[in-house]
C-alpha atoms as a PDB file:
ATOM      1  CA  MET A   1       0.000   0.000   0.000  1.00  0.00           C
ATOM      2  CA  ASP A   2       1.202   3.498  -0.697  1.00  0.00           C
ATOM      3  CA  LEU A   3      -1.849   5.765  -0.339  1.00  0.00           C
ATOM      4  CA  ILE A   4      -4.850   6.299   1.874  1.00  0.00           C
ATOM      5  CA  VAL A   5      -7.603   7.726  -0.297  1.00  0.00           C
ATOM      6  CA  ALA A   6     -10.360   9.720   1.344  1.00  0.00           C
ATOM      7  CA  ASN A   7     -13.466  11.240  -0.160  1.00  0.00           C
ATOM      8  CA  GLY A   8     -16.712  12.440   1.330  1.00  0.00           C
ATOM      9  CA  ARG A   9     -18.107   8.916   1.700  1.00  0.00           C
ATOM     10  CA  TYR A  10     -15.434   6.373   2.719  1.00  0.00           C
ATOM     11  CA  LEU A  11     -11.748   5.672   3.404  1.00  0.00           C
ATOM     12  CA  SER A  12      -9.772   3.179   1.332  1.00  0.00           C
ATOM     13  CA  VAL A  13      -6.221   2.091   0.578  1.00  0.00           C
ATOM     14  CA  VAL A  14      -4.626   1.647  -2.829  1.00  0.00           C
ATOM     15  CA  GLY A  15      -1.240   0.473  -4.008  1.00  0.00           C
ATOM     16  CA  SER A  16       0.690  -1.922  -6.214  1.00  0.00           C
ATOM     17  CA  THR A  17      -0.092  -4.946  -4.013  1.00  0.00           C
ATOM     18  CA  ILE A  18      -3.826  -4.279  -4.199  1.00  0.00           C
ATOM     19  CA  ASP A  19      -3.668  -3.601  -7.953  1.00  0.00           C
ATOM     20  CA  ALA A  20      -1.845  -6.896  -8.498  1.00  0.00           C
ATOM     21  CA  ILE A  21      -4.485  -8.859  -6.560  1.00  0.00           C
ATOM     22  CA  GLY A  22      -7.275  -7.175  -8.491  1.00  0.00           C
ATOM     23  CA  LYS A  23      -5.765  -7.564 -11.952  1.00  0.00           C
ATOM     24  CA  GLN A  24      -4.584 -11.144 -11.512  1.00  0.00           C
ATOM     25  CA  GLY A  25      -7.778 -12.114  -9.715  1.00  0.00           C
ATOM     26  CA  ARG A  26     -10.258 -11.311 -12.471  1.00  0.00           C
ATOM     27  CA  PRO A  27     -11.978 -14.576 -13.492  1.00  0.00           C
ATOM     28  CA  THR A  28     -11.498 -15.472 -17.149  1.00  0.00           C
ATOM     29  CA  THR A  29     -15.210 -16.224 -17.451  1.00  0.00           C
ATOM     30  CA  MET A  30     -16.255 -12.761 -16.252  1.00  0.00           C
ATOM     31  CA  PRO A  31     -17.576 -10.605 -19.123  1.00  0.00           C
ATOM     32  CA  GLU A  32     -15.494  -7.500 -19.879  1.00  0.00           C
ATOM     33  CA  LYS A  33     -18.450  -5.224 -19.180  1.00  0.00           C
ATOM     34  CA  TYR A  34     -18.307  -6.240 -15.496  1.00  0.00           C
ATOM     35  CA  HIS A  35     -14.799  -4.764 -15.310  1.00  0.00           C
ATOM     36  CA  LEU A  36     -15.849  -1.661 -17.214  1.00  0.00           C
ATOM     37  CA  ASN A  37     -18.758  -1.120 -14.818  1.00  0.00           C
ATOM     38  CA  ARG A  38     -16.326  -1.085 -11.898  1.00  0.00           C
ATOM     39  CA  VAL A  39     -13.952   1.318 -13.642  1.00  0.00           C
ATOM     40  CA  ALA A  40     -16.857   3.645 -14.457  1.00  0.00           C
ATOM     41  CA  ARG A  41     -18.104   3.618 -10.876  1.00  0.00           C
ATOM     42  CA  ASP A  42     -14.666   4.204  -9.350  1.00  0.00           C
ATOM     43  CA  ASN A  43     -13.601   6.553 -12.129  1.00  0.00           C
ATOM     44  CA  SER A  44     -10.259   4.751 -12.036  1.00  0.00           C
ATOM     45  CA  GLU A  45      -8.475   1.629 -13.277  1.00  0.00           C
ATOM     46  CA  ARG A  46      -6.942   1.209  -9.832  1.00  0.00           C
ATOM     47  CA  TYR A  47      -8.303  -1.277  -7.319  1.00  0.00           C
ATOM     48  CA  HIS A  48      -8.871  -0.476  -3.650  1.00  0.00           C
ATOM     49  CA  ILE A  49      -9.787  -1.910  -0.252  1.00  0.00           C
ATOM     50  CA  THR A  50     -12.346   0.086   1.719  1.00  0.00           C
ATOM     51  CA  PHE A  51     -11.535   0.090   5.432  1.00  0.00           C
ATOM     52  CA  VAL A  52     -14.111   2.649   6.614  1.00  0.00           C
ATOM     53  CA  HIS A  53     -17.461   2.231   4.865  1.00  0.00           C
ATOM     54  CA  PRO A  54     -19.833   5.095   3.936  1.00  0.00           C
ATOM     55  CA  GLY A  55     -22.322   4.498   6.749  1.00  0.00           C
ATOM     56  CA  GLU A  56     -19.513   4.177   9.291  1.00  0.00           C
ATOM     57  CA  LEU A  57     -17.853   7.415   8.196  1.00  0.00           C
ATOM     58  CA  LYS A  58     -21.184   9.246   8.260  1.00  0.00           C
ATOM     59  CA  ALA A  59     -21.884   7.985  11.791  1.00  0.00           C
ATOM     60  CA  HIS A  60     -18.354   8.924  12.902  1.00  0.00           C
ATOM     61  CA  LEU A  61     -18.787  12.499  11.666  1.00  0.00           C
ATOM     62  CA  ALA A  62     -22.174  12.729  13.348  1.00  0.00           C
ATOM     63  CA  ASP A  63     -20.719  11.477  16.645  1.00  0.00           C
ATOM     64  CA  LYS A  64     -18.061  14.175  16.410  1.00  0.00           C
ATOM     65  CA  GLY A  65     -20.768  16.798  15.962  1.00  0.00           C
ATOM     66  CA  ILE A  66     -19.673  17.837  12.475  1.00  0.00           C
ATOM     67  CA  PRO A  67     -22.935  18.377  10.550  1.00  0.00           C
ATOM     68  CA  LYS A  68     -21.672  20.718   7.823  1.00  0.00           C
ATOM     69  CA  LYS A  69     -20.272  19.012   4.732  1.00  0.00           C
ATOM     70  CA  LYS A  70     -17.677  21.741   4.173  1.00  0.00           C
ATOM     71  CA  GLN A  71     -16.105  20.748   7.493  1.00  0.00           C
ATOM     72  CA  HIS A  72     -16.048  17.037   6.675  1.00  0.00           C
ATOM     73  CA  HIS A  73     -12.881  17.047   4.579  1.00  0.00           C
ATOM     74  CA  LYS A  74     -10.865  18.862   7.226  1.00  0.00           C
ATOM     75  CA  HIS A  75     -11.897  16.344   9.886  1.00  0.00           C
ATOM     76  CA  ILE A  76     -11.390  13.338   7.581  1.00  0.00           C
ATOM     77  CA  ARG A  77      -7.885  14.577   6.723  1.00  0.00           C
ATOM     78  CA  SER A  78      -7.110  14.844  10.439  1.00  0.00           C
ATOM     79  CA  MET A  79      -8.519  11.344  10.904  1.00  0.00           C
ATOM     80  CA  VAL A  80      -6.194   9.971   8.208  1.00  0.00           C
ATOM     81  CA  ASP A  81      -3.193  11.837   9.638  1.00  0.00           C
ATOM     82  CA  GLU A  82      -3.905  10.305  13.053  1.00  0.00           C
ATOM     83  CA  VAL A  83      -4.033   6.793  11.553  1.00  0.00           C
ATOM     84  CA  ILE A  84      -0.662   7.339   9.869  1.00  0.00           C
ATOM     85  CA  ALA A  85       0.832   8.800  13.047  1.00  0.00           C
ATOM     86  CA  THR A  86      -0.315   5.718  14.991  1.00  0.00           C
ATOM     87  CA  PHE A  87       0.409   2.936  12.493  1.00  0.00           C
ATOM     88  CA  GLY A  88       3.164   4.427  10.340  1.00  0.00           C
ATOM     89  CA  GLU A  89       3.364   4.970   6.607  1.00  0.00           C
ATOM     90  CA  PRO A  90       1.035   2.739   4.571  1.00  0.00           C
ATOM     91  CA  SER A  91       4.043   1.364   2.690  1.00  0.00           C
ATOM     92  CA  THR A  92       5.211  -0.242   5.951  1.00  0.00           C
ATOM     93  CA  TRP A  93       1.873  -1.881   6.805  1.00  0.00           C
ATOM     94  CA  GLU A  94       1.343  -5.626   6.811  1.00  0.00           C
ATOM     95  CA  LYS A  95       0.083  -6.549   3.356  1.00  0.00           C
ATOM     96  CA  PRO A  96      -3.415  -7.966   2.780  1.00  0.00           C
ATOM     97  CA  LEU A  97      -3.707 -11.634   1.843  1.00  0.00           C
ATOM     98  CA  ASP A  98      -5.825 -12.799  -1.097  1.00  0.00           C
ATOM     99  CA  LEU A  99      -8.132 -15.707  -0.161  1.00  0.00           C
ATOM    100  CA  GLY A 100      -9.697 -16.229  -3.564  1.00  0.00           C
ATOM    101  CA  LEU A 101     -12.620 -15.323  -5.787  1.00  0.00           C
ATOM    102  CA  GLY A 102     -15.920 -14.438  -4.137  1.00  0.00           C
ATOM    103  CA  LEU A 103     -19.361 -14.144  -5.712  1.00  0.00           C
ATOM    104  CA  LEU A 104     -22.626 -12.577  -4.584  1.00  0.00           C
ATOM    105  CA  GLU A 105     -25.885 -12.432  -6.525  1.00  0.00           C
ATOM    106  CA  GLN A 106     -29.008 -10.449  -5.725  1.00  0.00           C
ATOM    107  CA  GLN A 107     -32.547 -10.653  -7.050  1.00  0.00           C
ATOM    108  CA  GLU A 108     -34.712  -7.538  -7.032  1.00  0.00           C
ATOM    109  CA  ASP A 109     -38.312  -7.397  -8.155  1.00  0.00           C
ATOM    110  CA  GLU A 110     -38.825  -4.458 -10.491  1.00  0.00           C
ATOM    111  CA  LYS A 111     -42.228  -3.684  -8.964  1.00  0.00           C
ATOM    112  CA  ASP A 112     -40.724  -3.450  -5.473  1.00  0.00           C
ATOM    113  CA  ARG A 113     -37.883  -1.318  -6.793  1.00  0.00           C
ATOM    114  CA  GLN A 114     -40.315   1.152  -8.341  1.00  0.00           C
ATOM    115  CA  GLN A 115     -42.297   1.342  -5.099  1.00  0.00           C
ATOM    116  CA  GLN A 116     -39.116   2.231  -3.206  1.00  0.00           C
ATOM    117  CA  PRO A 117     -37.377   4.954  -5.239  1.00  0.00           C
ATOM    118  CA  ASP A 118     -33.672   5.400  -4.755  1.00  0.00           C
ATOM    119  CA  LYS A 119     -33.024   8.454  -2.580  1.00  0.00           C
ATOM    120  CA  LYS A 120     -29.639   8.901  -4.188  1.00  0.00           C
ATOM    121  CA  GLN A 121     -31.178   9.058  -7.639  1.00  0.00           C
ATOM    122  CA  LYS A 122     -33.459  11.829  -6.426  1.00  0.00           C
ATOM    123  CA  LYS A 123     -30.540  13.738  -4.935  1.00  0.00           C
ATOM    124  CA  ASP A 124     -28.387  13.359  -8.019  1.00  0.00           C
ATOM    125  CA  LYS A 125     -31.147  14.108 -10.507  1.00  0.00           C
ATOM    126  CA  GLY A 126     -29.758  16.207 -13.312  1.00  0.00           C
ATOM    127  CA  LYS A 127     -26.164  15.086 -12.806  1.00  0.00           C
ATOM    128  CA  LYS A 128     -24.326  13.225 -15.529  1.00  0.00           C
ATOM    129  CA  LYS A 129     -24.576   9.467 -14.976  1.00  0.00           C
ATOM    130  CA  ARG A 130     -21.706   7.037 -15.345  1.00  0.00           C
ATOM    131  CA  LEU A 131     -22.447   4.199 -17.723  1.00  0.00           C
ATOM    132  CA  GLY A 132     -23.614   1.030 -15.924  1.00  0.00           C
ATOM    133  CA  ALA A 133     -22.529   2.256 -12.484  1.00  0.00           C
ATOM    134  CA  ASP A 134     -23.703   4.048  -9.377  1.00  0.00           C
ATOM    135  CA  GLN A 135     -23.333   7.806  -9.384  1.00  0.00           C
ATOM    136  CA  GLY A 136     -20.266   8.836  -7.427  1.00  0.00           C
ATOM    137  CA  ASP A 137     -19.002  12.002  -5.780  1.00  0.00           C
ATOM    138  CA  THR A 138     -17.831  14.854  -7.959  1.00  0.00           C
ATOM    139  CA  SER A 139     -14.097  15.317  -8.367  1.00  0.00           C
ATOM    140  CA  LYS A 140     -14.084  18.388  -6.107  1.00  0.00           C
ATOM    141  CA  ASP A 141     -15.219  16.142  -3.232  1.00  0.00           C
ATOM    142  CA  ASP A 142     -12.207  13.837  -3.556  1.00  0.00           C
ATOM    143  CA  VAL A 143      -9.197  14.234  -1.296  1.00  0.00           C
ATOM    144  CA  THR A 144      -6.108  12.074  -1.711  1.00  0.00           C
ATOM    145  CA  VAL A 145      -3.786  11.896   1.281  1.00  0.00           C
ATOM    146  CA  THR A 146      -0.260  10.672   0.594  1.00  0.00           C
ATOM    147  CA  ALA A 147       1.725   9.074   3.383  1.00  0.00           C
ATOM    148  CA  PRO A 148       4.553  11.294   4.681  1.00  0.00           C
ATOM    149  CA  PRO A 149       8.463  10.770   3.525  1.00  0.00           C
ATOM    150  CA  ALA A 150      -5.123   4.682   2.192  1.00  0.00           C
ATOM    151  CA  ALA A 151     -31.291  -6.649  -0.501  1.00  0.00           C
ATOM    152  CA  ALA A 152     -31.450 -10.197  -0.005  1.00  0.00           C
ATOM    153  CA  VAL A 153     -28.732 -12.326  -1.407  1.00  0.00           C
ATOM    154  CA  THR A 154     -29.241 -15.674  -3.028  1.00  0.00           C
ATOM    155  CA  ALA A 155     -26.795 -18.210  -4.373  1.00  0.00           C
ATOM    156  CA  THR A 156     -29.237 -19.402  -7.000  1.00  0.00           C
ATOM    157  CA  PRO A 157     -28.770 -17.781 -10.424  1.00  0.00           C
ATOM    158  CA  ALA A 158     -31.853 -16.527 -12.169  1.00  0.00           C
ATOM    159  CA  ALA A 159     -32.606 -15.056 -15.568  1.00  0.00           C
ATOM    160  CA  ALA A 160     -31.721 -11.395 -15.838  1.00  0.00           C
ATOM    161  CA  VAL A 161     -35.292 -10.528 -16.742  1.00  0.00           C
ATOM    162  CA  THR A 162     -38.355 -12.720 -16.303  1.00  0.00           C
ATOM    163  CA  ALA A 163     -41.871 -11.776 -17.302  1.00  0.00           C
ATOM    164  CA  THR A 164     -45.151 -12.903 -15.765  1.00  0.00           C
ATOM    165  CA  PRO A 165     -47.710 -13.421 -18.552  1.00  0.00           C
ATOM    166  CA  VAL A 166     -51.118 -11.808 -18.045  1.00  0.00           C
ATOM    167  CA  PRO A 167     -54.333 -11.924 -20.074  1.00  0.00           C
ATOM    168  CA  ALA A 168     -54.385  -9.398 -22.885  1.00  0.00           C
ATOM    169  CA  THR A 169     -57.720  -8.027 -21.659  1.00  0.00           C
ATOM    170  CA  THR A 170     -56.355  -6.926 -18.277  1.00  0.00           C
ATOM    171  CA  ALA A 171     -54.325  -3.867 -17.344  1.00  0.00           C
ATOM    172  CA  THR A 172     -52.204  -5.694 -14.760  1.00  0.00           C
ATOM    173  CA  PRO A 173     -48.576  -4.446 -14.980  1.00  0.00           C
ATOM    174  CA  VAL A 174     -45.889  -6.929 -15.971  1.00  0.00           C
ATOM    175  CA  SER A 175     -43.617  -7.926 -13.103  1.00  0.00           C
ATOM    176  CA  THR A 176     -39.910  -8.312 -13.858  1.00  0.00           C
ATOM    177  CA  THR A 177     -36.906  -9.416 -11.807  1.00  0.00           C
ATOM    178  CA  ARG A 178     -33.494  -7.790 -12.032  1.00  0.00           C
ATOM    179  CA  HIS A 179     -30.400  -9.866 -11.443  1.00  0.00           C
ATOM    180  CA  TYR A 180     -27.286  -8.289  -9.926  1.00  0.00           C
ATOM    181  CA  VAL A 181     -23.899 -10.054  -9.887  1.00  0.00           C
ATOM    182  CA  SER A 182     -20.697  -9.016  -8.093  1.00  0.00           C
ATOM    183  CA  TYR A 183     -17.236 -10.630  -8.296  1.00  0.00           C
ATOM    184  CA  PHE A 184     -14.524  -9.749  -5.787  1.00  0.00           C
ATOM    185  CA  ARG A 185     -11.381 -11.055  -4.111  1.00  0.00           C
ATOM    186  CA  VAL A 186     -11.921 -12.020  -0.482  1.00  0.00           C
ATOM    187  CA  ILE A 187      -9.171 -10.463   1.642  1.00  0.00           C
ATOM    188  CA  HIS A 188      -7.620 -11.608   4.928  1.00  0.00           C
ATOM    189  CA  TRP A 189      -6.036  -8.529   6.525  1.00  0.00           C
ATOM    190  CA  PRO A 190      -5.506  -8.644  10.320  1.00  0.00           C
ATOM    191  CA  PHE A 191      -3.603  -5.330  10.228  1.00  0.00           C
ATOM    192  CA  GLY A 192      -6.607  -3.619   8.632  1.00  0.00           C
ATOM    193  CA  GLN A 193      -8.852  -5.035  11.360  1.00  0.00           C
ATOM    194  CA  LYS A 194      -6.447  -3.567  13.910  1.00  0.00           C
ATOM    195  CA  ILE A 195      -6.827  -0.124  12.309  1.00  0.00           C
ATOM    196  CA  ARG A 196     -10.601  -0.437  12.416  1.00  0.00           C
ATOM    197  CA  ALA A 197     -10.505  -1.420  16.092  1.00  0.00           C
ATOM    198  CA  HIS A 198      -8.384   1.673  16.770  1.00  0.00           C
ATOM    199  CA  LEU A 199     -11.119   3.758  15.120  1.00  0.00           C
ATOM    200  CA  GLY A 200     -13.768   2.086  17.275  1.00  0.00           C
ATOM    201  CA  LEU A 201     -15.142  -0.023  14.417  1.00  0.00           C
ATOM    202  CA  PRO A 202     -16.030  -3.760  14.432  1.00  0.00           C
ATOM    203  CA  PRO A 203     -14.373  -6.353  12.153  1.00  0.00           C
ATOM    204  CA  THR A 204     -15.412  -6.194   8.504  1.00  0.00           C
ATOM    205  CA  SER A 205     -15.234  -8.373   5.387  1.00  0.00           C
ATOM    206  CA  PHE A 206     -12.343  -6.853   3.480  1.00  0.00           C
ATOM    207  CA  HIS A 207     -12.520  -7.391  -0.276  1.00  0.00           C
ATOM    208  CA  ILE A 208     -11.363  -6.020  -3.626  1.00  0.00           C
ATOM    209  CA  THR A 209     -14.166  -5.622  -6.156  1.00  0.00           C
ATOM    210  CA  VAL A 210     -13.118  -6.864  -9.612  1.00  0.00           C
ATOM    211  CA  GLY A 211     -16.393  -6.465 -11.499  1.00  0.00           C
ATOM    212  CA  PHE A 212     -20.183  -6.359 -11.348  1.00  0.00           C
ATOM    213  CA  ASP A 213     -23.313  -6.022 -13.467  1.00  0.00           C
ATOM    214  CA  PRO A 214     -25.397  -3.956 -13.595  1.00  0.00           C
ATOM    215  CA  LYS A 215     -24.663  -2.715 -10.054  1.00  0.00           C
ATOM    216  CA  ASP A 216     -22.482  -3.893  -7.194  1.00  0.00           C
ATOM    217  CA  VAL A 217     -24.104  -6.000  -4.471  1.00  0.00           C
ATOM    218  CA  HIS A 218     -23.941  -4.316  -1.070  1.00  0.00           C
ATOM    219  CA  HIS A 219     -25.278  -4.915   2.446  1.00  0.00           C
ATOM    220  CA  SER A 220     -24.104  -8.534   2.573  1.00  0.00           C
ATOM    221  CA  PRO A 221     -20.771  -9.794   3.994  1.00  0.00           C
ATOM    222  CA  LYS A 222     -18.119 -10.565   1.400  1.00  0.00           C
ATOM    223  CA  GLY A 223     -16.142 -12.936   3.572  1.00  0.00           C
ATOM    224  CA  PRO A 224     -14.848 -16.511   3.146  1.00  0.00           C
ATOM    225  CA  ASP A 225     -18.365 -17.991   2.934  1.00  0.00           C
ATOM    226  CA  THR A 226     -18.663 -16.404  -0.542  1.00  0.00           C
ATOM    227  CA  ILE A 227     -15.453 -17.966  -1.921  1.00  0.00           C
ATOM    228  CA  LEU A 228     -15.770 -20.182  -4.995  1.00  0.00           C
ATOM    229  CA  LEU A 229     -13.326 -22.853  -3.848  1.00  0.00           C
ATOM    230  CA  ALA A 230     -12.898 -24.903  -7.021  1.00  0.00           C
ATOM    231  CA  PRO A 231     -12.435 -21.979  -9.468  1.00  0.00           C
ATOM    232  CA  SER A 232     -10.125 -20.233  -6.991  1.00  0.00           C
ATOM    233  CA  LEU A 233      -7.915 -23.298  -6.526  1.00  0.00           C
ATOM    234  CA  LYS A 234      -7.750 -23.846 -10.279  1.00  0.00           C
ATOM    235  CA  GLN A 235      -6.522 -20.282 -10.708  1.00  0.00           C
ATOM    236  CA  ASP A 236      -4.082 -20.398  -7.779  1.00  0.00           C
ATOM    237  CA  PRO A 237      -3.189 -23.759  -6.143  1.00  0.00           C
ATOM    238  CA  ASP A 238      -1.276 -21.917  -3.399  1.00  0.00           C
ATOM    239  CA  LEU A 239      -4.601 -20.738  -1.957  1.00  0.00           C
ATOM    240  CA  LEU A 240      -5.062 -24.021  -0.091  1.00  0.00           C
ATOM    241  CA  ALA A 241      -2.192 -23.208   2.268  1.00  0.00           C
ATOM    242  CA  ARG A 242      -3.632 -19.724   2.893  1.00  0.00           C
ATOM    243  CA  TRP A 243      -7.064 -21.152   3.670  1.00  0.00           C
ATOM    244  CA  VAL A 244      -5.634 -23.634   6.149  1.00  0.00           C
ATOM    245  CA  SER A 245      -3.556 -20.977   7.935  1.00  0.00           C
ATOM    246  CA  SER A 246      -6.349 -18.363   8.095  1.00  0.00           C
ATOM    247  CA  ALA A 247      -9.425 -20.582   8.683  1.00  0.00           C
ATOM    248  CA  VAL A 248      -9.093 -20.427  12.471  1.00  0.00           C
ATOM    249  CA  HIS A 249      -9.788 -16.668  12.265  1.00  0.00           C
ATOM    250  CA  TYR A 250     -13.258 -17.264  10.792  1.00  0.00           C
ATOM    251  CA  PRO A 251     -15.220 -19.441  13.276  1.00  0.00           C
ATOM    252  CA  LYS A 252     -18.547 -17.980  12.099  1.00  0.00           C
ATOM    253  CA  GLU A 253     -17.897 -18.664   8.405  1.00  0.00           C
ATOM    254  CA  SER A 254     -19.365 -22.167   8.742  1.00  0.00           C
ATOM    255  CA  LEU A 255     -20.004 -22.706   5.027  1.00  0.00           C
ATOM    256  CA  PHE A 256     -16.371 -21.958   4.208  1.00  0.00           C
ATOM    257  CA  LEU A 257     -15.084 -24.193   7.020  1.00  0.00           C
ATOM    258  CA  GLN A 258     -17.327 -27.069   5.946  1.00  0.00           C
ATOM    259  CA  ARG A 259     -16.303 -26.830   2.300  1.00  0.00           C
ATOM    260  CA  LEU A 260     -12.628 -26.557   3.183  1.00  0.00           C
ATOM    261  CA  SER A 261     -12.854 -29.501   5.563  1.00  0.00           C
ATOM    262  CA  HIS A 262     -14.522 -31.664   2.918  1.00  0.00           C
ATOM    263  CA  HIS A 263     -11.878 -30.737   0.362  1.00  0.00           C
ATOM    264  CA  LEU A 264      -9.045 -31.555   2.758  1.00  0.00           C
ATOM    265  CA  ILE A 265     -10.586 -34.948   3.520  1.00  0.00           C
ATOM    266  CA  LYS A 266     -10.983 -35.591  -0.204  1.00  0.00           C
ATOM    267  CA  VAL A 267      -7.261 -35.024  -0.801  1.00  0.00           C
ATOM    268  CA  ASP A 268      -6.193 -37.010   2.303  1.00  0.00           C
ATOM    269  CA  LEU A 269      -5.300 -33.906   4.309  1.00  0.00           C
ATOM    270  CA  GLY A 270      -8.188 -34.031   6.745  1.00  0.00           C
ATOM    271  CA  HIS A 271      -5.880 -33.658   9.760  1.00  0.00           C
ATOM    272  CA  LEU A 272      -5.219 -30.057   8.708  1.00  0.00           C
ATOM    273  CA  ALA A 273      -8.812 -29.185   9.597  1.00  0.00           C
ATOM    274  CA  GLU A 274      -8.418 -30.177  13.251  1.00  0.00           C
ATOM    275  CA  PRO A 275      -7.836 -26.588  14.538  1.00  0.00           C
ATOM    276  CA  TRP A 276     -11.372 -25.560  13.565  1.00  0.00           C
ATOM    277  CA  GLN A 277     -13.282 -28.843  13.714  1.00  0.00           C
ATOM    278  CA  HIS A 278     -14.852 -27.844  17.029  1.00  0.00           C
ATOM    279  CA  HIS A 279     -16.436 -24.828  15.341  1.00  0.00           C
ATOM    280  CA  LEU A 280     -18.111 -27.126  12.825  1.00  0.00           C
ATOM    281  CA  LYS A 281     -19.464 -29.374  15.578  1.00  0.00           C
ATOM    282  CA  THR A 282     -20.878 -26.354  17.408  1.00  0.00           C
ATOM    283  CA  THR A 283     -22.529 -25.105  14.220  1.00  0.00           C
ATOM    284  CA  GLU A 284     -24.044 -28.449  13.280  1.00  0.00           C
ATOM    285  CA  SER A 285     -25.386 -29.313  16.751  1.00  0.00           C
ATOM    286  CA  PRO A 286     -29.143 -28.723  17.283  1.00  0.00           C
END
């Protein structure tokens, strides 16, 4: 990492290590438009890891009694400076560890979406939209700080658009379902969790978004439970060692632990799952 990037909505880190994980981690089966959607949303080819999310930053500013937006950037800059003063230059931080390719899918009924209009769309009405992406902050809202000399989710795919046939004599509106898909690299980063704890924030599911369509999937954890084990191993066989060494840190990611345990047994390495077997027994007990 070599930069902490701050804007009016969140704090993130960028750097060559993160770019390498993002670029090398794009699945070959992912359509190019997924990548282009991400670039359009971020207004950058660079990849990033968010370590303070929009809602968390908003709550932090509110707790500090800073209601005026024009004062936000000054406080956020001070917040970043304090992180660097405490933990050192980002280039010296412990590097994040790639745990593999994650996938989340979301179904949204068009009728429900129309009944609940997007507040952000109302606020940004009249602004130029980015193709296939959420509207972002304007460039004047962005502040880059350089370190001194950072919806219900289902796993069942569905058609992008489905129509419910109705009699031609009725005026009943056609109901459609929108299908959202998000690919990302699941990240194990204990040092980042330490920074969050210092800021009074709980652990989070660190990840690097590599592509999505038509929008990113939010409000669901992007942790080890979302990892596609077989495709990830095919792309990088070294991931197995990382999973074994980091699994003990994820006692609540029962789906990941179960899948990993089954794979280890399949390849005659079941003994490697012993450190977290008790978590599986606790999860499976009635």
